[in-house]
Amino acid sequence: MGTSTTSTSMGLSTPLDPVRSVDIDNRNIVVPTFADLSVEDRADIEAKMEILCPLLLGRFTKTCRGIAKHDIDVLDFSGSKDRK
């Protein structure tokens, strides 16, 4: 069986605390930019955008009079229905 280890008072990471959770709080967490991501993660997002973009653009119609937005239910990123 394994032994349990925790971070030391110096904040060193251990197998049970690989990211030094004692050092993480809302003041030092930021959302990464697209450029910060690995090549694999960027490729994954780009592949999903190729699927999502046509679905979102399907809410619009372009005519000689301009662009019309149709009132179609589309899931937003939080998973709830958009009912504008």
PDB file of N, CA and C in Angstrom:
ATOM      1  N   MET A   1       0.834  -1.178   0.000  1.00  0.00           N
ATOM      2  CA  MET A   1       0.000   0.000   0.000  1.00  0.00           C
ATOM      3  C   MET A   1       0.881   1.243   0.000  1.00  0.00           C
ATOM      4  N   GLY A   2       0.333   2.371  -0.387  1.00  0.00           N
ATOM      5  CA  GLY A   2       1.103   3.611  -0.449  1.00  0.00           C
ATOM      6  C   GLY A   2       0.998   4.396   0.832  1.00  0.00           C
ATOM      7  N   THR A   3       1.921   5.298   0.977  1.00  0.00           N
ATOM      8  CA  THR A   3       1.875   6.187   2.124  1.00  0.00           C
ATOM      9  C   THR A   3       1.361   7.536   1.669  1.00  0.00           C
ATOM     10  N   SER A   4       0.704   8.229   2.548  1.00  0.00           N
ATOM     11  CA  SER A   4       0.188   9.543   2.180  1.00  0.00           C
ATOM     12  C   SER A   4       1.220  10.601   2.541  1.00  0.00           C
ATOM     13  N   THR A   5       1.392  11.538   1.616  1.00  0.00           N
ATOM     14  CA  THR A   5       2.303  12.645   1.872  1.00  0.00           C
ATOM     15  C   THR A   5       1.578  13.944   1.593  1.00  0.00           C
ATOM     16  N   THR A   6       2.025  14.987   2.213  1.00  0.00           N
ATOM     17  CA  THR A   6       1.427  16.300   2.012  1.00  0.00           C
ATOM     18  C   THR A   6       2.535  17.302   1.754  1.00  0.00           C
ATOM     19  N   SER A   7       2.141  18.519   1.410  1.00  0.00           N
ATOM     20  CA  SER A   7       3.164  19.527   1.164  1.00  0.00           C
ATOM     21  C   SER A   7       3.795  19.965   2.484  1.00  0.00           C
ATOM     22  N   THR A   8       5.049  20.326   2.389  1.00  0.00           N
ATOM     23  CA  THR A   8       5.760  20.757   3.589  1.00  0.00           C
ATOM     24  C   THR A   8       5.471  22.217   3.853  1.00  0.00           C
ATOM     25  N   SER A   9       5.969  22.705   4.945  1.00  0.00           N
ATOM     26  CA  SER A   9       5.757  24.110   5.275  1.00  0.00           C
ATOM     27  C   SER A   9       6.444  25.031   4.273  1.00  0.00           C
ATOM     28  N   MET A  10       7.414  24.502   3.498  1.00  0.00           N
ATOM     29  CA  MET A  10       8.081  25.308   2.485  1.00  0.00           C
ATOM     30  C   MET A  10       7.273  25.353   1.196  1.00  0.00           C
ATOM     31  N   GLY A  11       6.160  24.628   1.091  1.00  0.00           N
ATOM     32  CA  GLY A  11       5.316  24.658  -0.086  1.00  0.00           C
ATOM     33  C   GLY A  11       5.803  23.750  -1.202  1.00  0.00           C
ATOM     34  N   LEU A  12       6.629  22.765  -0.912  1.00  0.00           N
ATOM     35  CA  LEU A  12       7.110  21.855  -1.940  1.00  0.00           C
ATOM     36  C   LEU A  12       5.983  20.931  -2.372  1.00  0.00           C
ATOM     37  N   SER A  13       5.932  20.624  -3.656  1.00  0.00           N
ATOM     38  CA  SER A  13       4.877  19.740  -4.130  1.00  0.00           C
ATOM     39  C   SER A  13       5.249  18.292  -3.852  1.00  0.00           C
ATOM     40  N   THR A  14       4.235  17.486  -3.658  1.00  0.00           N
ATOM     41  CA  THR A  14       4.400  16.063  -3.382  1.00  0.00           C
ATOM     42  C   THR A  14       3.422  15.302  -4.245  1.00  0.00           C
ATOM     43  N   PRO A  15       3.493  13.970  -4.281  1.00  0.00           N
ATOM     44  CA  PRO A  15       2.560  13.206  -5.111  1.00  0.00           C
ATOM     45  C   PRO A  15       1.089  13.487  -4.837  1.00  0.00           C
ATOM     46  N   LEU A  16       0.715  13.777  -3.616  1.00  0.00           N
ATOM     47  CA  LEU A  16      -0.683  14.060  -3.313  1.00  0.00           C
ATOM     48  C   LEU A  16      -1.048  15.522  -3.528  1.00  0.00           C
ATOM     49  N   ASP A  17      -0.068  16.380  -3.706  1.00  0.00           N
ATOM     50  CA  ASP A  17      -0.307  17.816  -3.871  1.00  0.00           C
ATOM     51  C   ASP A  17       0.610  18.342  -4.978  1.00  0.00           C
ATOM     52  N   PRO A  18       0.419  17.870  -6.230  1.00  0.00           N
ATOM     53  CA  PRO A  18       1.361  18.185  -7.302  1.00  0.00           C
ATOM     54  C   PRO A  18       1.402  19.653  -7.692  1.00  0.00           C
ATOM     55  N   VAL A  19       0.371  20.431  -7.399  1.00  0.00           N
ATOM     56  CA  VAL A  19       0.367  21.843  -7.792  1.00  0.00           C
ATOM     57  C   VAL A  19       0.488  22.778  -6.603  1.00  0.00           C
ATOM     58  N   ARG A  20       0.892  22.258  -5.486  1.00  0.00           N
ATOM     59  CA  ARG A  20       1.043  23.074  -4.267  1.00  0.00           C
ATOM     60  C   ARG A  20      -0.221  23.887  -4.018  1.00  0.00           C
ATOM     61  N   SER A  21      -1.318  23.210  -3.728  1.00  0.00           N
ATOM     62  CA  SER A  21      -2.610  23.873  -3.569  1.00  0.00           C
ATOM     63  C   SER A  21      -2.577  24.961  -2.510  1.00  0.00           C
ATOM     64  N   VAL A  22      -1.624  24.931  -1.621  1.00  0.00           N
ATOM     65  CA  VAL A  22      -1.529  25.989  -0.616  1.00  0.00           C
ATOM     66  C   VAL A  22      -1.164  27.316  -1.267  1.00  0.00           C
ATOM     67  N   ASP A  23      -0.590  27.275  -2.487  1.00  0.00           N
ATOM     68  CA  ASP A  23      -0.178  28.491  -3.171  1.00  0.00           C
ATOM     69  C   ASP A  23      -1.245  29.030  -4.125  1.00  0.00           C
ATOM     70  N   ILE A  24      -2.354  28.335  -4.293  1.00  0.00           N
ATOM     71  CA  ILE A  24      -3.364  28.722  -5.269  1.00  0.00           C
ATOM     72  C   ILE A  24      -4.543  29.367  -4.562  1.00  0.00           C
ATOM     73  N   ASP A  25      -4.897  30.568  -5.007  1.00  0.00           N
ATOM     74  CA  ASP A  25      -6.114  31.219  -4.549  1.00  0.00           C
ATOM     75  C   ASP A  25      -6.606  32.142  -5.670  1.00  0.00           C
ATOM     76  N   ASN A  26      -7.703  32.808  -5.471  1.00  0.00           N
ATOM     77  CA  ASN A  26      -8.308  33.634  -6.511  1.00  0.00           C
ATOM     78  C   ASN A  26      -7.435  34.795  -6.950  1.00  0.00           C
ATOM     79  N   ARG A  27      -6.479  35.194  -6.163  1.00  0.00           N
ATOM     80  CA  ARG A  27      -5.615  36.313  -6.529  1.00  0.00           C
ATOM     81  C   ARG A  27      -4.544  35.932  -7.540  1.00  0.00           C
ATOM     82  N   ASN A  28      -4.180  34.653  -7.621  1.00  0.00           N
ATOM     83  CA  ASN A  28      -3.107  34.288  -8.528  1.00  0.00           C
ATOM     84  C   ASN A  28      -3.542  33.290  -9.611  1.00  0.00           C
ATOM     85  N   ILE A  29      -4.834  33.218  -9.879  1.00  0.00           N
ATOM     86  CA  ILE A  29      -5.337  32.373 -10.952  1.00  0.00           C
ATOM     87  C   ILE A  29      -5.795  33.276 -12.085  1.00  0.00           C
ATOM     88  N   VAL A  30      -5.298  33.030 -13.280  1.00  0.00           N
ATOM     89  CA  VAL A  30      -5.703  33.795 -14.446  1.00  0.00           C
ATOM     90  C   VAL A  30      -6.092  32.829 -15.554  1.00  0.00           C
ATOM     91  N   VAL A  31      -6.954  33.277 -16.441  1.00  0.00           N
ATOM     92  CA  VAL A  31      -7.356  32.470 -17.582  1.00  0.00           C
ATOM     93  C   VAL A  31      -6.243  32.568 -18.623  1.00  0.00           C
ATOM     94  N   PRO A  32      -5.756  31.433 -19.115  1.00  0.00           N
ATOM     95  CA  PRO A  32      -4.678  31.488 -20.103  1.00  0.00           C
ATOM     96  C   PRO A  32      -5.178  32.014 -21.437  1.00  0.00           C
ATOM     97  N   THR A  33      -4.270  32.557 -22.219  1.00  0.00           N
ATOM     98  CA  THR A  33      -4.614  32.947 -23.582  1.00  0.00           C
ATOM     99  C   THR A  33      -4.481  31.738 -24.483  1.00  0.00           C
ATOM    100  N   PHE A  34      -5.001  31.853 -25.688  1.00  0.00           N
ATOM    101  CA  PHE A  34      -4.894  30.769 -26.659  1.00  0.00           C
ATOM    102  C   PHE A  34      -3.425  30.426 -26.910  1.00  0.00           C
ATOM    103  N   ALA A  35      -2.571  31.432 -26.968  1.00  0.00           N
ATOM    104  CA  ALA A  35      -1.137  31.227 -27.222  1.00  0.00           C
ATOM    105  C   ALA A  35      -0.449  30.495 -26.071  1.00  0.00           C
ATOM    106  N   ASP A  36      -1.000  30.562 -24.868  1.00  0.00           N
ATOM    107  CA  ASP A  36      -0.409  29.882 -23.715  1.00  0.00           C
ATOM    108  C   ASP A  36      -0.587  28.371 -23.777  1.00  0.00           C
ATOM    109  N   LEU A  37      -1.556  27.907 -24.539  1.00  0.00           N
ATOM    110  CA  LEU A  37      -1.887  26.485 -24.574  1.00  0.00           C
ATOM    111  C   LEU A  37      -0.881  25.687 -25.395  1.00  0.00           C
ATOM    112  N   SER A  38      -0.860  24.396 -25.142  1.00  0.00           N
ATOM    113  CA  SER A  38       0.011  23.514 -25.912  1.00  0.00           C
ATOM    114  C   SER A  38      -0.524  23.393 -27.337  1.00  0.00           C
ATOM    115  N   VAL A  39       0.311  22.921 -28.231  1.00  0.00           N
ATOM    116  CA  VAL A  39      -0.084  22.725 -29.624  1.00  0.00           C
ATOM    117  C   VAL A  39      -1.286  21.785 -29.699  1.00  0.00           C
ATOM    118  N   GLU A  40      -1.281  20.741 -28.888  1.00  0.00           N
ATOM    119  CA  GLU A  40      -2.381  19.768 -28.897  1.00  0.00           C
ATOM    120  C   GLU A  40      -3.682  20.403 -28.420  1.00  0.00           C
ATOM    121  N   ASP A  41      -3.620  21.207 -27.351  1.00  0.00           N
ATOM    122  CA  ASP A  41      -4.825  21.850 -26.831  1.00  0.00           C
ATOM    123  C   ASP A  41      -5.368  22.888 -27.812  1.00  0.00           C
ATOM    124  N   ARG A  42      -4.478  23.638 -28.470  1.00  0.00           N
ATOM    125  CA  ARG A  42      -4.924  24.605 -29.481  1.00  0.00           C
ATOM    126  C   ARG A  42      -5.601  23.888 -30.643  1.00  0.00           C
ATOM    127  N   ALA A  43      -5.039  22.764 -31.080  1.00  0.00           N
ATOM    128  CA  ALA A  43      -5.637  21.993 -32.177  1.00  0.00           C
ATOM    129  C   ALA A  43      -7.013  21.465 -31.779  1.00  0.00           C
ATOM    130  N   ASP A  44      -7.168  21.035 -30.536  1.00  0.00           N
ATOM    131  CA  ASP A  44      -8.456  20.544 -30.041  1.00  0.00           C
ATOM    132  C   ASP A  44      -9.499  21.657 -30.054  1.00  0.00           C
ATOM    133  N   ILE A  45      -9.125  22.849 -29.594  1.00  0.00           N
ATOM    134  CA  ILE A  45     -10.057  23.981 -29.595  1.00  0.00           C
ATOM    135  C   ILE A  45     -10.419  24.382 -31.018  1.00  0.00           C
ATOM    136  N   GLU A  46      -9.436  24.432 -31.902  1.00  0.00           N
ATOM    137  CA  GLU A  46      -9.707  24.806 -33.291  1.00  0.00           C
ATOM    138  C   GLU A  46     -10.653  23.809 -33.962  1.00  0.00           C
ATOM    139  N   ALA A  47     -10.498  22.522 -33.671  1.00  0.00           N
ATOM    140  CA  ALA A  47     -11.393  21.513 -34.239  1.00  0.00           C
ATOM    141  C   ALA A  47     -12.819  21.707 -33.732  1.00  0.00           C
ATOM    142  N   LYS A  48     -12.971  22.039 -32.467  1.00  0.00           N
ATOM    143  CA  LYS A  48     -14.302  22.270 -31.907  1.00  0.00           C
ATOM    144  C   LYS A  48     -14.920  23.552 -32.457  1.00  0.00           C
ATOM    145  N   MET A  49     -14.070  24.564 -32.710  1.00  0.00           N
ATOM    146  CA  MET A  49     -14.578  25.814 -33.276  1.00  0.00           C
ATOM    147  C   MET A  49     -15.099  25.593 -34.700  1.00  0.00           C
ATOM    148  N   GLU A  50     -14.462  24.699 -35.455  1.00  0.00           N
ATOM    149  CA  GLU A  50     -14.921  24.397 -36.809  1.00  0.00           C
ATOM    150  C   GLU A  50     -16.314  23.778 -36.793  1.00  0.00           C
ATOM    151  N   ILE A  51     -16.654  23.093 -35.731  1.00  0.00           N
ATOM    152  CA  ILE A  51     -17.988  22.502 -35.582  1.00  0.00           C
ATOM    153  C   ILE A  51     -18.967  23.546 -35.050  1.00  0.00           C
ATOM    154  N   LEU A  52     -18.552  24.319 -34.067  1.00  0.00           N
ATOM    155  CA  LEU A  52     -19.432  25.265 -33.395  1.00  0.00           C
ATOM    156  C   LEU A  52     -19.770  26.481 -34.248  1.00  0.00           C
ATOM    157  N   CYS A  53     -18.816  27.001 -34.985  1.00  0.00           N
ATOM    158  CA  CYS A  53     -19.041  28.228 -35.752  1.00  0.00           C
ATOM    159  C   CYS A  53     -20.197  28.107 -36.745  1.00  0.00           C
ATOM    160  N   PRO A  54     -20.252  27.069 -37.578  1.00  0.00           N
ATOM    161  CA  PRO A  54     -21.402  26.956 -38.489  1.00  0.00           C
ATOM    162  C   PRO A  54     -22.744  26.827 -37.758  1.00  0.00           C
ATOM    163  N   LEU A  55     -22.731  26.181 -36.602  1.00  0.00           N
ATOM    164  CA  LEU A  55     -23.971  26.055 -35.831  1.00  0.00           C
ATOM    165  C   LEU A  55     -24.456  27.421 -35.356  1.00  0.00           C
ATOM    166  N   LEU A  56     -23.523  28.244 -34.876  1.00  0.00           N
ATOM    167  CA  LEU A  56     -23.893  29.573 -34.412  1.00  0.00           C
ATOM    168  C   LEU A  56     -24.258  30.487 -35.580  1.00  0.00           C
ATOM    169  N   LEU A  57     -23.530  30.385 -36.688  1.00  0.00           N
ATOM    170  CA  LEU A  57     -23.844  31.204 -37.854  1.00  0.00           C
ATOM    171  C   LEU A  57     -25.182  30.813 -38.474  1.00  0.00           C
ATOM    172  N   GLY A  58     -25.641  29.596 -38.233  1.00  0.00           N
ATOM    173  CA  GLY A  58     -26.939  29.143 -38.730  1.00  0.00           C
ATOM    174  C   GLY A  58     -28.104  29.924 -38.153  1.00  0.00           C
ATOM    175  N   ARG A  59     -27.859  30.700 -37.120  1.00  0.00           N
ATOM    176  CA  ARG A  59     -28.910  31.549 -36.539  1.00  0.00           C
ATOM    177  C   ARG A  59     -29.164  32.784 -37.377  1.00  0.00           C
ATOM    178  N   PHE A  60     -28.326  33.038 -38.385  1.00  0.00           N
ATOM    179  CA  PHE A  60     -28.412  34.250 -39.188  1.00  0.00           C
ATOM    180  C   PHE A  60     -28.690  33.910 -40.650  1.00  0.00           C
ATOM    181  N   THR A  61     -29.339  34.843 -41.340  1.00  0.00           N
ATOM    182  CA  THR A  61     -29.575  34.750 -42.773  1.00  0.00           C
ATOM    183  C   THR A  61     -29.121  36.056 -43.398  1.00  0.00           C
ATOM    184  N   LYS A  62     -28.395  35.931 -44.501  1.00  0.00           N
ATOM    185  CA  LYS A  62     -27.930  37.124 -45.205  1.00  0.00           C
ATOM    186  C   LYS A  62     -28.726  37.251 -46.503  1.00  0.00           C
ATOM    187  N   THR A  63     -29.351  38.418 -46.676  1.00  0.00           N
ATOM    188  CA  THR A  63     -30.122  38.700 -47.880  1.00  0.00           C
ATOM    189  C   THR A  63     -29.626  40.010 -48.475  1.00  0.00           C
ATOM    190  N   CYS A  64     -30.234  40.412 -49.589  1.00  0.00           N
ATOM    191  CA  CYS A  64     -29.862  41.687 -50.195  1.00  0.00           C
ATOM    192  C   CYS A  64     -30.230  42.868 -49.296  1.00  0.00           C
ATOM    193  N   ARG A  65     -31.085  42.646 -48.320  1.00  0.00           N
ATOM    194  CA  ARG A  65     -31.495  43.710 -47.393  1.00  0.00           C
ATOM    195  C   ARG A  65     -30.645  43.749 -46.128  1.00  0.00           C
ATOM    196  N   GLY A  66     -29.782  42.767 -45.944  1.00  0.00           N
ATOM    197  CA  GLY A  66     -28.939  42.740 -44.754  1.00  0.00           C
ATOM    198  C   GLY A  66     -28.954  41.385 -44.081  1.00  0.00           C
ATOM    199  N   ILE A  67     -28.570  41.390 -42.844  1.00  0.00           N
ATOM    200  CA  ILE A  67     -28.475  40.149 -42.072  1.00  0.00           C
ATOM    201  C   ILE A  67     -29.605  40.101 -41.060  1.00  0.00           C
ATOM    202  N   ALA A  68     -30.286  38.967 -41.030  1.00  0.00           N
ATOM    203  CA  ALA A  68     -31.382  38.771 -40.076  1.00  0.00           C
ATOM    204  C   ALA A  68     -30.990  37.681 -39.093  1.00  0.00           C
ATOM    205  N   LYS A  69     -31.243  37.936 -37.830  1.00  0.00           N
ATOM    206  CA  LYS A  69     -30.982  36.948 -36.785  1.00  0.00           C
ATOM    207  C   LYS A  69     -32.281  36.226 -36.472  1.00  0.00           C
ATOM    208  N   HIS A  70     -32.238  34.906 -36.521  1.00  0.00           N
ATOM    209  CA  HIS A  70     -33.423  34.099 -36.243  1.00  0.00           C
ATOM    210  C   HIS A  70     -33.454  33.727 -34.766  1.00  0.00           C
ATOM    211  N   ASP A  71     -34.632  33.660 -34.221  1.00  0.00           N
ATOM    212  CA  ASP A  71     -34.812  33.338 -32.811  1.00  0.00           C
ATOM    213  C   ASP A  71     -34.811  31.821 -32.650  1.00  0.00           C
ATOM    214  N   ILE A  72     -33.613  31.235 -32.646  1.00  0.00           N
ATOM    215  CA  ILE A  72     -33.453  29.790 -32.534  1.00  0.00           C
ATOM    216  C   ILE A  72     -32.778  29.491 -31.202  1.00  0.00           C
ATOM    217  N   ASP A  73     -33.270  28.476 -30.487  1.00  0.00           N
ATOM    218  CA  ASP A  73     -32.643  28.085 -29.228  1.00  0.00           C
ATOM    219  C   ASP A  73     -31.279  27.469 -29.511  1.00  0.00           C
ATOM    220  N   VAL A  74     -30.265  28.017 -28.868  1.00  0.00           N
ATOM    221  CA  VAL A  74     -28.909  27.498 -28.982  1.00  0.00           C
ATOM    222  C   VAL A  74     -28.355  27.371 -27.573  1.00  0.00           C
ATOM    223  N   LEU A  75     -27.694  26.253 -27.305  1.00  0.00           N
ATOM    224  CA  LEU A  75     -27.091  26.092 -25.990  1.00  0.00           C
ATOM    225  C   LEU A  75     -25.945  27.070 -25.834  1.00  0.00           C
ATOM    226  N   ASP A  76     -25.918  27.764 -24.703  1.00  0.00           N
ATOM    227  CA  ASP A  76     -24.765  28.624 -24.446  1.00  0.00           C
ATOM    228  C   ASP A  76     -23.682  27.787 -23.765  1.00  0.00           C
ATOM    229  N   PHE A  77     -22.562  28.380 -23.468  1.00  0.00           N
ATOM    230  CA  PHE A  77     -21.442  27.630 -22.935  1.00  0.00           C
ATOM    231  C   PHE A  77     -21.659  27.147 -21.519  1.00  0.00           C
ATOM    232  N   SER A  78     -22.620  27.684 -20.821  1.00  0.00           N
ATOM    233  CA  SER A  78     -22.907  27.203 -19.476  1.00  0.00           C
ATOM    234  C   SER A  78     -23.864  26.030 -19.486  1.00  0.00           C
ATOM    235  N   GLY A  79     -24.418  25.717 -20.660  1.00  0.00           N
ATOM    236  CA  GLY A  79     -25.306  24.578 -20.792  1.00  0.00           C
ATOM    237  C   GLY A  79     -26.781  24.930 -20.702  1.00  0.00           C
ATOM    238  N   SER A  80     -27.125  26.181 -20.441  1.00  0.00           N
ATOM    239  CA  SER A  80     -28.527  26.576 -20.393  1.00  0.00           C
ATOM    240  C   SER A  80     -28.976  27.044 -21.750  1.00  0.00           C
ATOM    241  N   LYS A  81     -30.265  27.113 -21.969  1.00  0.00           N
ATOM    242  CA  LYS A  81     -30.814  27.548 -23.248  1.00  0.00           C
ATOM    243  C   LYS A  81     -30.787  29.074 -23.357  1.00  0.00           C
ATOM    244  N   ASP A  82     -30.416  29.576 -24.535  1.00  0.00           N
ATOM    245  CA  ASP A  82     -30.426  31.013 -24.820  1.00  0.00           C
ATOM    246  C   ASP A  82     -31.810  31.344 -25.361  1.00  0.00           C
ATOM    247  N   ARG A  83     -32.579  32.144 -24.647  1.00  0.00           N
ATOM    248  CA  ARG A  83     -33.944  32.461 -25.069  1.00  0.00           C
ATOM    249  C   ARG A  83     -34.141  33.955 -25.159  1.00  0.00           C
ATOM    250  N   LYS A  84     -33.393  34.586 -26.030  1.00  0.00           N
ATOM    251  CA  LYS A  84     -33.511  36.041 -26.195  1.00  0.00           C
ATOM    252  C   LYS A  84     -34.605  36.385 -27.160  1.00  0.00           C
TER     253      LYS A  84
END
